[in-house]
Amino acid sequence: MPRYIFITGGVVSSLGKGLASAALGALLQARGYKVRLRKLDPYLNVDPGTMSPYQHGEVYVTDDGAETDLDLGHYERFTGVSAAQTDNITTGRIYSNIIAAERRGDYLGATVQVIPHVTNEIKQFVLSDAGDVDFVLCEVGGTVGDIEGLPFFEALRQLSQELPRGQTCFLHVTLLPYIGAAGEMKTKPTQHSVKELRSIGIQPDILLCRADRPVLAGDRKKIARFCNVRESAVIQGLDAPSIYDVPLAYHAEGLDIEILNHFGVVTPPDADLSGWWDISKTLENPDAGEVNIAVVGKYTILPDAYKSITEALVHGGIANRVKVNINWIEAEEFEKSDDPYMLKDAHAVLVPGGFGGRGSEGKIKAVTFARTKKVPYFGICLGMQMAVVEAARNMAGLENASSSEFGETGTNIVGLMTEWTKGNERLLRTSQTDLGGTMRLGAYPAILSEGSLVAQEYGEIEIEERHRHRYEVNVDYKEQLEKAGLRFSGMSPDGVLPEIVELPDHPWFVGVQYHPELKSRPFDPHPLFKGFVKAALDQSRLV
């Protein structure tokens, strides 16, 4: 039976619970254990798919088509364990399940209540489909004290009593603020956070205390005394130069040893962290130089909206031993000016995915710049569609080319997907279909053209990548666009859906309908990001 580690947060949000969970999972893996990571999100949305990136950051997509919290991206990147539908749940989905069961009569006339029905649903999620693992790490979103989080905390409290003794551990991530005027670190917020947890029946076993400077021994002793934990269980979590230094930092502070001691592991296996040390050294000393990559997007004021792209670019830098500097450019601002000054220092241009017409003309301008100036270009999802629209307008002479997502023009190079195949099932959609969960989601195969740039980068011609889109390039324009010089180098196996385009006479110009950033890992950079950063490095040496 797996052991369960419940990760909660207190004082304020954005303390790094997701990273702490991912780093702890990586540390346990480094000692030879198998892990599974899960996220419990208290908000009422059924999933984050229809939430604004400004509020929630990016939507992470799994192979099996779940739209999930971005923390699952951290889990996958740090552990290499692919997440699934069963690894992220929200209050909205829990209540949807309960209401559906009540309508079917599954509760046999019982009054449906938070306890036991909601808490039972949460417990069932935590315990289900664990597989053959040694540890299941469950992170609870939000902070203790949030009213919407109470059913989750109650469910975990019940689990800690129902599971065999010694099978659960509560790790609480909290904050130790430094008050400059007083010249001292304050422990009171942590004390109050733990008091809040204890008031609902949960005694944390380990405290991970986030701080911007070392925690003094006296403060550790004070926290241990007032929060009812061992002094060794007060772990400081200092800011790290890179998120990929976090496992090393937490290992140095003894987090993994404290976890194993809690579970009674007398002689823990040694931790092999050599891979993490290699990544840390490469990030600290990128001996091949540095490159500037411009990301022209719609949500650039909040980098978390493109978190997986950011990390995939870092992975590409690791693979090429180069530092990647990202210049975030708001597409709306770029479209207001014909002067491409914003891109003048760019060694490569990336246009990411997004929804809606805002900033679309700015993205098309970025494509034109990269195409005409022979600067490496990478278009992802909407970025690929904008590359096709740009080629239609400026290479094939279709002046009104656009996407029906932005309104009808009579030359809709990109249009709404109405049907596609997933496995043996034919899926149908219309413009009246609900927005939530109705896109082409999850992993789909594609066939690459022999001799194409993408086939060279992948080293194979049959691939499988994760999708999240409801519009597609109209295959009826394929022949006309190819005559103009745009190559369709990747198609769905049935030849109906364009997956990849490229320009053969360009140093590196690729657009993909899927999201390759979701499968990139620090130990296994995605081949397209690896090739893109390499192209940017080559470009930097020409300037």
Protein backbone atom coordinates (compact mmCIF):
# COMPACT_ATOMS: atom_id res chain seq x y z
CA MET A 1 0.00 0.00 0.00
CA PRO A 2 1.41 3.44 -0.85
CA ARG A 3 2.24 6.01 1.79
CA TYR A 4 0.42 9.33 1.45
CA ILE A 5 1.97 12.78 1.80
CA PHE A 6 -0.50 15.69 1.98
CA ILE A 7 0.95 19.09 1.08
CA THR A 8 -0.93 22.14 2.34
CA GLY A 9 -0.15 25.85 2.34
CA GLY A 10 -0.64 28.72 4.72
CA VAL A 11 -0.29 32.48 5.26
CA VAL A 12 -0.31 33.50 1.57
CA SER A 13 -0.63 31.87 -1.83
CA SER A 14 2.19 31.48 -4.38
CA LEU A 15 4.63 30.05 -1.85
CA GLY A 16 5.63 27.27 -4.22
CA LYS A 17 3.61 24.28 -2.99
CA GLY A 18 3.58 22.87 -6.51
CA LEU A 19 7.34 23.14 -6.85
CA ALA A 20 7.83 21.76 -3.34
CA SER A 21 5.64 18.76 -4.21
CA ALA A 22 7.48 18.20 -7.49
CA ALA A 23 10.89 18.56 -5.86
CA LEU A 24 9.97 16.15 -3.06
CA GLY A 25 8.74 13.66 -5.65
CA ALA A 26 12.06 13.98 -7.47
CA LEU A 27 14.00 13.45 -4.25
CA LEU A 28 12.06 10.30 -3.39
CA GLN A 29 12.65 9.04 -6.93
CA ALA A 30 16.36 9.74 -6.52
CA ARG A 31 16.29 7.26 -3.62
CA GLY A 32 14.67 4.61 -5.79
CA TYR A 33 11.02 5.04 -4.81
CA LYS A 34 8.08 5.19 -7.21
CA VAL A 35 5.86 8.24 -6.84
CA ARG A 36 2.52 9.61 -8.03
CA LEU A 37 1.53 13.27 -7.65
CA ARG A 38 -1.98 14.72 -7.46
CA LYS A 39 -3.59 18.13 -7.12
CA LEU A 40 -6.82 18.99 -5.29
CA ASP A 41 -8.18 22.37 -6.45
CA PRO A 42 -10.93 23.94 -4.31
CA TYR A 43 -12.37 26.31 -6.94
CA LEU A 44 -15.82 25.62 -8.39
CA ASN A 45 -14.85 25.42 -12.06
CA VAL A 46 -15.17 21.87 -13.36
CA ASP A 47 -11.66 22.27 -14.78
CA PRO A 48 -9.38 25.23 -15.57
CA GLY A 49 -10.09 24.97 -19.31
CA THR A 50 -12.38 28.01 -19.48
CA MET A 51 -10.51 30.10 -16.89
CA SER A 52 -8.61 33.21 -17.90
CA PRO A 53 -4.82 32.73 -18.00
CA TYR A 54 -4.58 36.06 -16.15
CA GLN A 55 -6.26 34.42 -13.15
CA HIS A 56 -4.96 30.90 -13.33
CA GLY A 57 -1.91 30.76 -15.58
CA GLU A 58 -1.62 28.16 -18.30
CA VAL A 59 -3.86 25.14 -18.70
CA TYR A 60 -1.80 21.96 -18.68
CA VAL A 61 -3.04 19.08 -20.84
CA THR A 62 -2.39 15.38 -20.22
CA ASP A 63 -2.07 12.57 -22.74
CA ASP A 64 -5.59 11.36 -21.95
CA GLY A 65 -7.09 14.79 -22.58
CA ALA A 66 -7.51 16.33 -19.13
CA GLU A 67 -7.30 20.11 -18.81
CA THR A 68 -5.51 20.57 -15.51
CA ASP A 69 -3.74 22.94 -13.17
CA LEU A 70 -0.27 24.10 -14.25
CA ASP A 71 1.29 22.40 -11.21
CA LEU A 72 0.84 19.07 -12.99
CA GLY A 73 3.39 20.40 -15.48
CA HIS A 74 5.87 20.77 -12.62
CA TYR A 75 5.08 17.25 -11.47
CA GLU A 76 5.77 15.80 -14.93
CA ARG A 77 8.90 17.86 -15.57
CA PHE A 78 10.50 16.95 -12.23
CA THR A 79 9.55 13.28 -12.06
CA GLY A 80 8.95 12.23 -15.67
CA VAL A 81 5.73 10.50 -14.54
CA SER A 82 2.92 11.27 -16.98
CA ALA A 83 -0.14 12.72 -15.32
CA ALA A 84 -3.69 11.61 -16.10
CA GLN A 85 -7.34 12.56 -15.69
CA THR A 86 -7.22 10.98 -12.24
CA ASP A 87 -4.48 13.30 -10.96
CA ASN A 88 -6.35 16.61 -10.77
CA ILE A 89 -9.81 17.33 -9.44
CA THR A 90 -11.75 20.46 -8.54
CA THR A 91 -14.67 21.19 -6.28
CA GLY A 92 -16.69 21.76 -9.44
CA ARG A 93 -16.02 18.26 -10.72
CA ILE A 94 -16.71 16.73 -7.32
CA TYR A 95 -20.08 18.45 -7.08
CA SER A 96 -20.87 17.54 -10.69
CA ASN A 97 -20.26 13.88 -9.87
CA ILE A 98 -22.37 14.07 -6.71
CA ILE A 99 -25.29 15.84 -8.36
CA ALA A 100 -25.27 13.35 -11.24
CA ALA A 101 -25.31 10.47 -8.74
CA GLU A 102 -28.16 12.09 -6.79
CA ARG A 103 -30.19 12.52 -9.99
CA ARG A 104 -29.68 8.83 -10.80
CA GLY A 105 -30.92 7.90 -7.34
CA ASP A 106 -27.59 6.39 -6.26
CA TYR A 107 -27.96 7.72 -2.72
CA LEU A 108 -31.27 5.89 -2.20
CA GLY A 109 -33.11 8.93 -0.90
CA ALA A 110 -30.47 10.04 1.58
CA THR A 111 -29.96 13.72 2.28
CA VAL A 112 -26.86 14.70 0.30
CA GLN A 113 -24.42 16.62 2.51
CA VAL A 114 -20.82 17.82 2.59
CA ILE A 115 -20.12 15.14 5.16
CA PRO A 116 -20.13 12.32 4.17
CA HIS A 117 -20.89 12.68 0.46
CA VAL A 118 -18.47 15.41 -0.59
CA THR A 119 -15.70 14.20 1.67
CA ASN A 120 -16.20 10.61 0.52
CA GLU A 121 -15.87 11.72 -3.11
CA ILE A 122 -12.60 13.49 -2.27
CA LYS A 123 -11.26 10.47 -0.40
CA GLN A 124 -12.19 8.19 -3.27
CA PHE A 125 -10.27 10.44 -5.66
CA VAL A 126 -7.17 10.49 -3.45
CA LEU A 127 -7.11 6.71 -3.08
CA SER A 128 -8.14 5.72 -6.62
CA ASP A 129 -5.86 4.47 -9.38
CA ALA A 130 -2.68 4.85 -7.34
CA GLY A 131 -0.96 2.01 -9.15
CA ASP A 132 2.20 0.30 -8.01
CA VAL A 133 3.83 3.24 -6.26
CA ASP A 134 5.54 3.79 -2.93
CA PHE A 135 4.35 7.35 -2.30
CA VAL A 136 1.32 9.38 -3.39
CA LEU A 137 1.83 13.12 -2.96
CA CYS A 138 -1.41 15.16 -2.81
CA GLU A 139 -1.22 18.93 -2.95
CA VAL A 140 -4.18 21.01 -1.79
CA GLY A 141 -4.59 24.27 -3.70
CA GLY A 142 -5.14 27.56 -1.90
CA THR A 143 -4.30 28.26 1.73
CA VAL A 144 -5.60 26.94 5.01
CA GLY A 145 -8.49 29.13 6.14
CA ASP A 146 -10.03 29.45 2.68
CA ILE A 147 -13.70 28.54 3.06
CA GLU A 148 -13.78 26.53 -0.18
CA GLY A 149 -10.87 24.38 1.01
CA LEU A 150 -12.59 23.12 4.18
CA PRO A 151 -14.12 19.95 2.64
CA PHE A 152 -10.68 18.94 1.33
CA PHE A 153 -8.97 19.43 4.68
CA GLU A 154 -11.76 17.49 6.39
CA ALA A 155 -11.45 14.65 3.89
CA LEU A 156 -7.69 14.43 4.43
CA ARG A 157 -8.18 14.54 8.21
CA GLN A 158 -10.53 11.59 7.91
CA LEU A 159 -8.08 9.72 5.68
CA SER A 160 -5.29 10.19 8.21
CA GLN A 161 -7.46 8.33 10.73
CA GLU A 162 -8.82 5.68 8.36
CA LEU A 163 -5.55 4.62 6.76
CA PRO A 164 -3.21 2.38 8.78
CA ARG A 165 -1.13 4.15 11.39
CA GLY A 166 2.08 5.53 9.91
CA GLN A 167 0.76 5.71 6.34
CA THR A 168 0.19 9.48 6.15
CA CYS A 169 2.25 12.63 6.55
CA PHE A 170 1.17 16.28 6.55
CA LEU A 171 3.68 18.72 5.07
CA HIS A 172 2.68 22.36 5.57
CA VAL A 173 4.31 25.08 3.44
CA THR A 174 4.31 28.42 5.19
CA LEU A 175 5.98 31.85 5.17
CA LEU A 176 8.50 33.50 7.47
CA PRO A 177 8.43 37.19 6.50
CA TYR A 178 11.32 39.48 7.33
CA ILE A 179 10.23 42.88 8.63
CA GLY A 180 12.93 45.35 7.63
CA ALA A 181 11.84 48.10 10.01
CA ALA A 182 12.08 45.70 12.95
CA GLY A 183 15.16 43.96 11.61
CA GLU A 184 13.84 40.51 12.38
CA MET A 185 12.06 37.49 10.94
CA LYS A 186 8.53 36.96 12.19
CA THR A 187 7.24 33.50 13.13
CA LYS A 188 3.74 34.58 14.17
CA PRO A 189 2.14 34.09 10.70
CA THR A 190 3.38 30.50 10.70
CA GLN A 191 2.10 29.96 14.23
CA HIS A 192 -1.35 31.23 13.25
CA SER A 193 -1.38 29.10 10.09
CA VAL A 194 -0.60 25.97 12.06
CA LYS A 195 -3.18 26.96 14.68
CA GLU A 196 -5.77 27.17 11.86
CA LEU A 197 -4.82 23.68 10.68
CA ARG A 198 -4.98 22.25 14.19
CA SER A 199 -8.39 23.82 14.74
CA ILE A 200 -9.78 21.57 12.00
CA GLY A 201 -8.07 18.48 13.38
CA ILE A 202 -4.84 18.38 11.37
CA GLN A 203 -1.46 18.46 13.09
CA PRO A 204 1.29 19.11 10.53
CA ASP A 205 4.22 16.73 10.81
CA ILE A 206 6.73 18.82 8.87
CA LEU A 207 6.91 22.57 8.20
CA LEU A 208 8.56 23.86 5.04
CA CYS A 209 9.19 27.50 5.86
CA ARG A 210 9.70 29.77 2.87
CA ALA A 211 12.06 32.65 3.61
CA ASP A 212 14.29 35.09 1.78
CA ARG A 213 17.18 34.60 4.22
CA PRO A 214 18.47 31.79 6.49
CA VAL A 215 16.27 30.87 9.43
CA LEU A 216 18.14 31.27 12.70
CA ALA A 217 18.38 28.37 15.13
CA GLY A 218 16.41 30.32 17.71
CA ASP A 219 13.55 30.86 15.29
CA ARG A 220 13.49 27.17 14.39
CA LYS A 221 13.29 26.25 18.07
CA LYS A 222 10.51 28.76 18.63
CA ILE A 223 8.50 27.49 15.66
CA ALA A 224 8.95 23.88 16.77
CA ARG A 225 7.79 24.69 20.30
CA PHE A 226 4.71 26.71 19.34
CA CYS A 227 3.68 24.54 16.37
CA ASN A 228 4.11 21.19 18.13
CA VAL A 229 6.67 19.68 15.71
CA ARG A 230 10.20 18.39 16.14
CA GLU A 231 12.92 20.97 15.62
CA SER A 232 14.38 18.83 12.83
CA ALA A 233 11.00 19.01 11.10
CA VAL A 234 11.26 22.78 10.65
CA ILE A 235 12.81 22.95 7.18
CA GLN A 236 13.85 26.25 5.64
CA GLY A 237 12.95 26.81 2.01
CA LEU A 238 15.09 29.59 0.61
CA ASP A 239 14.77 31.15 -2.82
CA ALA A 240 16.86 29.28 -5.41
CA PRO A 241 18.63 30.57 -8.56
CA SER A 242 16.50 28.23 -10.69
CA ILE A 243 13.53 25.97 -10.04
CA TYR A 244 15.80 23.08 -11.03
CA ASP A 245 18.01 23.88 -8.02
CA VAL A 246 15.08 23.34 -5.65
CA PRO A 247 15.49 19.54 -5.27
CA LEU A 248 19.15 20.04 -4.41
CA ALA A 249 18.35 22.83 -1.95
CA TYR A 250 15.62 20.87 -0.18
CA HIS A 251 17.83 17.79 -0.05
CA ALA A 252 20.59 19.85 1.56
CA GLU A 253 18.07 21.02 4.17
CA GLY A 254 17.10 17.41 4.91
CA LEU A 255 13.49 17.46 3.67
CA ASP A 256 13.58 13.98 2.13
CA ILE A 257 15.31 12.45 5.16
CA GLU A 258 12.74 14.02 7.49
CA ILE A 259 9.91 12.58 5.39
CA LEU A 260 11.42 9.09 5.46
CA ASN A 261 12.15 9.34 9.18
CA HIS A 262 8.50 10.22 9.73
CA PHE A 263 7.48 7.01 7.94
CA GLY A 264 9.92 4.99 10.02
CA VAL A 265 12.40 4.20 7.25
CA VAL A 266 15.45 3.40 9.38
CA THR A 267 18.08 3.13 6.65
CA PRO A 268 16.95 5.17 3.63
CA PRO A 269 18.50 4.32 0.25
CA ASP A 270 21.15 6.77 -0.92
CA ALA A 271 19.97 9.61 -3.16
CA ASP A 272 21.45 9.78 -6.65
CA LEU A 273 21.22 13.46 -7.54
CA SER A 274 23.97 13.49 -10.15
CA GLY A 275 21.54 14.41 -12.94
CA TRP A 276 20.23 17.38 -10.99
CA TRP A 277 23.79 18.52 -10.27
CA ASP A 278 24.58 18.38 -13.99
CA ILE A 279 21.56 20.53 -14.82
CA SER A 280 22.42 23.02 -12.08
CA LYS A 281 26.00 23.37 -13.34
CA THR A 282 24.83 23.81 -16.93
CA LEU A 283 22.38 26.54 -15.94
CA GLU A 284 25.02 28.27 -13.84
CA ASN A 285 27.73 28.07 -16.52
CA PRO A 286 26.22 27.93 -20.04
CA ASP A 287 29.53 27.76 -21.89
CA ALA A 288 28.03 28.05 -25.41
CA GLY A 289 26.86 31.64 -24.85
CA GLU A 290 23.36 33.10 -24.77
CA VAL A 291 20.47 33.81 -27.13
CA ASN A 292 17.56 36.25 -27.14
CA ILE A 293 14.18 34.75 -27.99
CA ALA A 294 11.15 37.01 -28.46
CA VAL A 295 7.82 35.52 -27.41
CA VAL A 296 4.99 37.47 -29.05
CA GLY A 297 1.79 36.53 -27.24
CA LYS A 298 -1.50 37.64 -25.81
CA TYR A 299 -0.91 37.10 -22.09
CA THR A 300 2.74 38.06 -21.74
CA ILE A 301 2.20 40.31 -18.71
CA LEU A 302 1.71 37.07 -16.75
CA PRO A 303 4.54 34.65 -17.63
CA ASP A 304 2.73 31.80 -15.84
CA ALA A 305 0.31 31.85 -18.79
CA TYR A 306 3.16 30.36 -20.82
CA LYS A 307 4.89 28.41 -18.04
CA SER A 308 5.53 25.23 -20.04
CA ILE A 309 6.93 27.24 -22.97
CA THR A 310 9.28 29.06 -20.62
CA GLU A 311 10.55 25.79 -19.19
CA ALA A 312 10.79 24.09 -22.60
CA LEU A 313 13.01 26.97 -23.78
CA VAL A 314 15.16 26.48 -20.69
CA HIS A 315 15.38 22.77 -21.53
CA GLY A 316 16.43 23.66 -25.07
CA GLY A 317 19.11 25.87 -23.55
CA ILE A 318 20.31 23.03 -21.31
CA ALA A 319 20.59 20.73 -24.33
CA ASN A 320 22.68 23.33 -26.19
CA ARG A 321 24.53 24.56 -23.08
CA VAL A 322 23.29 28.07 -23.78
CA LYS A 323 21.51 30.69 -21.69
CA VAL A 324 18.07 31.59 -23.07
CA ASN A 325 16.90 35.16 -22.50
CA ILE A 326 13.16 35.55 -23.10
CA ASN A 327 11.82 38.90 -24.26
CA TRP A 328 8.07 38.99 -23.62
CA ILE A 329 6.24 41.10 -26.23
CA GLU A 330 2.54 41.90 -26.00
CA ALA A 331 1.06 41.18 -29.42
CA GLU A 332 -1.40 44.09 -29.18
CA GLU A 333 1.45 46.55 -28.62
CA PHE A 334 3.41 45.09 -31.51
CA GLU A 335 0.53 45.43 -33.96
CA LYS A 336 0.18 49.15 -33.24
CA SER A 337 3.51 49.95 -34.90
CA ASP A 338 4.99 49.11 -38.28
CA ASP A 339 8.45 49.56 -36.78
CA PRO A 340 9.81 46.13 -35.82
CA TYR A 341 12.11 47.66 -33.19
CA MET A 342 10.75 45.26 -30.56
CA LEU A 343 12.28 42.35 -32.47
CA LYS A 344 15.57 43.95 -33.51
CA ASP A 345 17.63 42.08 -30.90
CA ALA A 346 15.80 38.77 -31.30
CA HIS A 347 17.80 35.75 -32.47
CA ALA A 348 14.51 33.84 -32.83
CA VAL A 349 10.76 34.48 -32.58
CA LEU A 350 8.13 32.28 -30.95
CA VAL A 351 4.36 32.85 -31.20
CA PRO A 352 2.50 30.65 -28.66
CA GLY A 353 -1.06 29.43 -28.49
CA GLY A 354 -4.07 31.44 -27.41
CA PHE A 355 -7.72 32.13 -28.10
CA GLY A 356 -9.57 35.05 -29.65
CA GLY A 357 -8.65 37.77 -32.12
CA ARG A 358 -7.00 40.24 -29.75
CA GLY A 359 -3.40 40.72 -30.85
CA SER A 360 -3.72 38.42 -33.87
CA GLU A 361 -2.45 41.04 -36.33
CA GLY A 362 0.57 41.61 -34.10
CA LYS A 363 1.31 37.91 -34.22
CA ILE A 364 1.02 37.94 -38.01
CA LYS A 365 3.46 40.88 -38.13
CA ALA A 366 5.89 38.83 -36.04
CA VAL A 367 5.60 35.98 -38.55
CA THR A 368 6.29 38.37 -41.44
CA PHE A 369 9.37 39.70 -39.66
CA ALA A 370 10.75 36.22 -39.01
CA ARG A 371 9.98 34.99 -42.53
CA THR A 372 11.41 37.96 -44.43
CA LYS A 373 14.42 38.56 -42.16
CA LYS A 374 15.29 34.83 -42.12
CA VAL A 375 15.08 34.76 -38.32
CA PRO A 376 14.21 31.34 -36.79
CA TYR A 377 10.48 31.08 -36.13
CA PHE A 378 8.45 28.68 -34.00
CA GLY A 379 4.64 28.88 -34.09
CA ILE A 380 2.65 26.82 -31.61
CA CYS A 381 -1.10 26.13 -32.04
CA LEU A 382 -2.47 29.62 -32.83
CA GLY A 383 1.11 30.58 -33.71
CA MET A 384 1.04 27.93 -36.44
CA GLN A 385 -2.34 29.13 -37.68
CA MET A 386 -1.06 32.73 -37.87
CA ALA A 387 1.94 31.51 -39.88
CA VAL A 388 -0.44 29.88 -42.38
CA VAL A 389 -2.60 33.02 -42.58
CA GLU A 390 0.53 35.13 -43.14
CA ALA A 391 1.69 32.82 -45.92
CA ALA A 392 -1.76 32.90 -47.51
CA ARG A 393 -1.79 36.70 -47.53
CA ASN A 394 1.79 37.46 -48.47
CA MET A 395 2.93 34.39 -50.42
CA ALA A 396 -0.26 33.04 -52.04
CA GLY A 397 -1.95 36.42 -52.64
CA LEU A 398 -5.08 35.69 -50.59
CA GLU A 399 -5.43 39.19 -49.14
CA ASN A 400 -8.51 38.48 -46.98
CA ALA A 401 -7.11 35.30 -45.46
CA SER A 402 -7.95 34.95 -41.78
CA SER A 403 -9.52 32.62 -39.21
CA SER A 404 -13.25 32.22 -38.62
CA GLU A 405 -12.37 32.50 -34.92
CA PHE A 406 -11.95 36.24 -35.56
CA GLY A 407 -15.00 36.60 -37.85
CA GLU A 408 -15.98 35.54 -41.36
CA THR A 409 -13.95 37.01 -44.23
CA GLY A 410 -14.82 34.72 -47.10
CA THR A 411 -11.28 33.34 -47.08
CA ASN A 412 -11.14 31.44 -43.81
CA ILE A 413 -7.82 29.64 -44.00
CA VAL A 414 -8.49 28.52 -40.41
CA GLY A 415 -11.93 27.29 -39.37
CA LEU A 416 -13.85 25.59 -36.57
CA MET A 417 -13.23 21.88 -36.22
CA THR A 418 -16.54 20.07 -36.63
CA GLU A 419 -15.45 16.44 -36.48
CA TRP A 420 -12.36 14.37 -35.83
CA THR A 421 -11.38 10.88 -34.76
CA LYS A 422 -10.10 9.93 -31.30
CA GLY A 423 -9.25 6.25 -31.20
CA ASN A 424 -12.28 4.48 -32.63
CA GLU A 425 -14.66 7.31 -31.78
CA ARG A 426 -15.85 10.05 -34.12
CA LEU A 427 -16.28 13.34 -32.22
CA LEU A 428 -18.64 16.06 -33.48
CA ARG A 429 -18.77 19.75 -32.56
CA THR A 430 -20.71 22.84 -33.65
CA SER A 431 -20.44 26.56 -32.93
CA GLN A 432 -23.21 26.09 -30.33
CA THR A 433 -21.32 23.44 -28.33
CA ASP A 434 -20.33 24.33 -24.75
CA LEU A 435 -16.80 25.70 -24.52
CA GLY A 436 -15.66 23.61 -21.57
CA GLY A 437 -13.87 20.37 -22.37
CA THR A 438 -15.02 20.27 -26.01
CA MET A 439 -11.76 20.91 -27.84
CA ARG A 440 -9.46 18.42 -29.51
CA LEU A 441 -7.67 17.48 -26.33
CA GLY A 442 -4.85 15.10 -25.47
CA ALA A 443 -2.41 13.01 -27.44
CA TYR A 444 -2.94 12.42 -31.16
CA PRO A 445 -0.59 10.87 -33.74
CA ALA A 446 0.88 12.63 -36.78
CA ILE A 447 2.85 11.46 -39.80
CA LEU A 448 5.86 13.55 -40.87
CA SER A 449 7.12 14.00 -44.43
CA GLU A 450 10.36 12.22 -45.27
CA GLY A 451 13.27 14.65 -45.50
CA SER A 452 11.45 17.49 -43.75
CA LEU A 453 13.08 19.63 -41.09
CA VAL A 454 10.76 18.29 -38.40
CA ALA A 455 11.51 14.70 -39.40
CA GLN A 456 15.20 15.47 -38.95
CA GLU A 457 14.60 17.08 -35.55
CA TYR A 458 12.45 14.18 -34.29
CA GLY A 459 14.57 11.47 -35.91
CA GLU A 460 11.37 9.61 -36.88
CA ILE A 461 8.27 10.13 -39.00
CA GLU A 462 5.54 8.86 -36.66
CA ILE A 463 4.99 11.01 -33.59
CA GLU A 464 2.34 11.61 -30.93
CA GLU A 465 1.78 15.03 -29.35
CA ARG A 466 -0.72 16.72 -27.05
CA HIS A 467 -3.37 19.02 -28.53
CA ARG A 468 -5.69 21.72 -27.23
CA HIS A 469 -7.57 23.56 -29.96
CA ARG A 470 -10.99 23.91 -31.56
CA TYR A 471 -9.89 25.54 -34.84
CA GLU A 472 -7.82 23.98 -37.61
CA VAL A 473 -6.10 24.94 -40.84
CA ASN A 474 -8.45 24.25 -43.76
CA VAL A 475 -6.88 21.40 -45.75
CA ASP A 476 -8.68 22.63 -48.89
CA TYR A 477 -6.03 25.36 -49.18
CA LYS A 478 -3.12 22.95 -48.82
CA GLU A 479 -2.30 22.62 -52.53
CA GLN A 480 -2.51 26.37 -53.17
CA LEU A 481 -0.30 27.19 -50.19
CA GLU A 482 2.26 24.55 -51.08
CA LYS A 483 2.53 25.98 -54.58
CA ALA A 484 3.34 29.32 -52.93
CA GLY A 485 6.19 27.72 -50.96
CA LEU A 486 4.69 26.63 -47.63
CA ARG A 487 5.28 22.94 -46.92
CA PHE A 488 2.77 20.85 -44.98
CA SER A 489 5.30 18.52 -43.40
CA GLY A 490 3.05 16.82 -40.86
CA MET A 491 -0.52 15.53 -41.21
CA SER A 492 -2.95 13.46 -39.19
CA PRO A 493 -2.79 9.78 -40.19
CA ASP A 494 -5.97 10.13 -42.28
CA GLY A 495 -4.47 13.12 -44.12
CA VAL A 496 -7.34 15.43 -43.14
CA LEU A 497 -5.82 17.61 -40.40
CA PRO A 498 -2.66 19.68 -40.99
CA GLU A 499 -0.35 19.26 -38.02
CA ILE A 500 2.92 20.93 -39.09
CA VAL A 501 4.03 23.52 -41.64
CA GLU A 502 7.52 24.73 -42.48
CA LEU A 503 9.41 26.85 -45.02
CA PRO A 504 12.06 24.81 -46.84
CA ASP A 505 14.06 27.89 -47.93
CA HIS A 506 14.30 29.31 -44.41
CA PRO A 507 16.99 28.59 -41.78
CA TRP A 508 14.39 27.31 -39.28
CA PHE A 509 10.68 28.03 -39.70
CA VAL A 510 8.21 25.60 -38.12
CA GLY A 511 4.57 25.84 -37.08
CA VAL A 512 2.85 23.04 -35.16
CA GLN A 513 -0.83 22.65 -34.30
CA TYR A 514 -0.05 20.82 -31.05
CA HIS A 515 1.76 21.85 -27.85
CA PRO A 516 5.24 20.29 -27.79
CA GLU A 517 6.16 22.28 -24.68
CA LEU A 518 3.93 19.99 -22.61
CA LYS A 519 6.21 16.99 -23.17
CA SER A 520 9.57 18.69 -22.64
CA ARG A 521 11.63 17.67 -19.61
CA PRO A 522 14.93 18.98 -18.21
CA PHE A 523 16.46 15.51 -18.66
CA ASP A 524 14.75 15.00 -22.02
CA PRO A 525 14.30 18.31 -23.87
CA HIS A 526 11.71 18.27 -26.64
CA PRO A 527 13.48 17.86 -30.01
CA LEU A 528 11.75 20.89 -31.54
CA PHE A 529 12.76 23.18 -28.69
CA LYS A 530 16.25 21.73 -28.78
CA GLY A 531 16.43 22.46 -32.52
CA PHE A 532 14.83 25.90 -32.18
CA VAL A 533 17.33 27.06 -29.56
CA LYS A 534 20.15 25.63 -31.69
CA ALA A 535 18.85 27.68 -34.65
CA ALA A 536 18.73 30.77 -32.44
CA LEU A 537 22.33 30.13 -31.39
CA ASP A 538 23.38 29.84 -35.03
CA GLN A 539 21.53 33.10 -35.75
CA SER A 540 23.31 34.86 -32.89
CA ARG A 541 26.66 34.00 -34.45
CA LEU A 542 25.62 35.60 -37.74
CA VAL A 543 24.76 38.95 -36.17
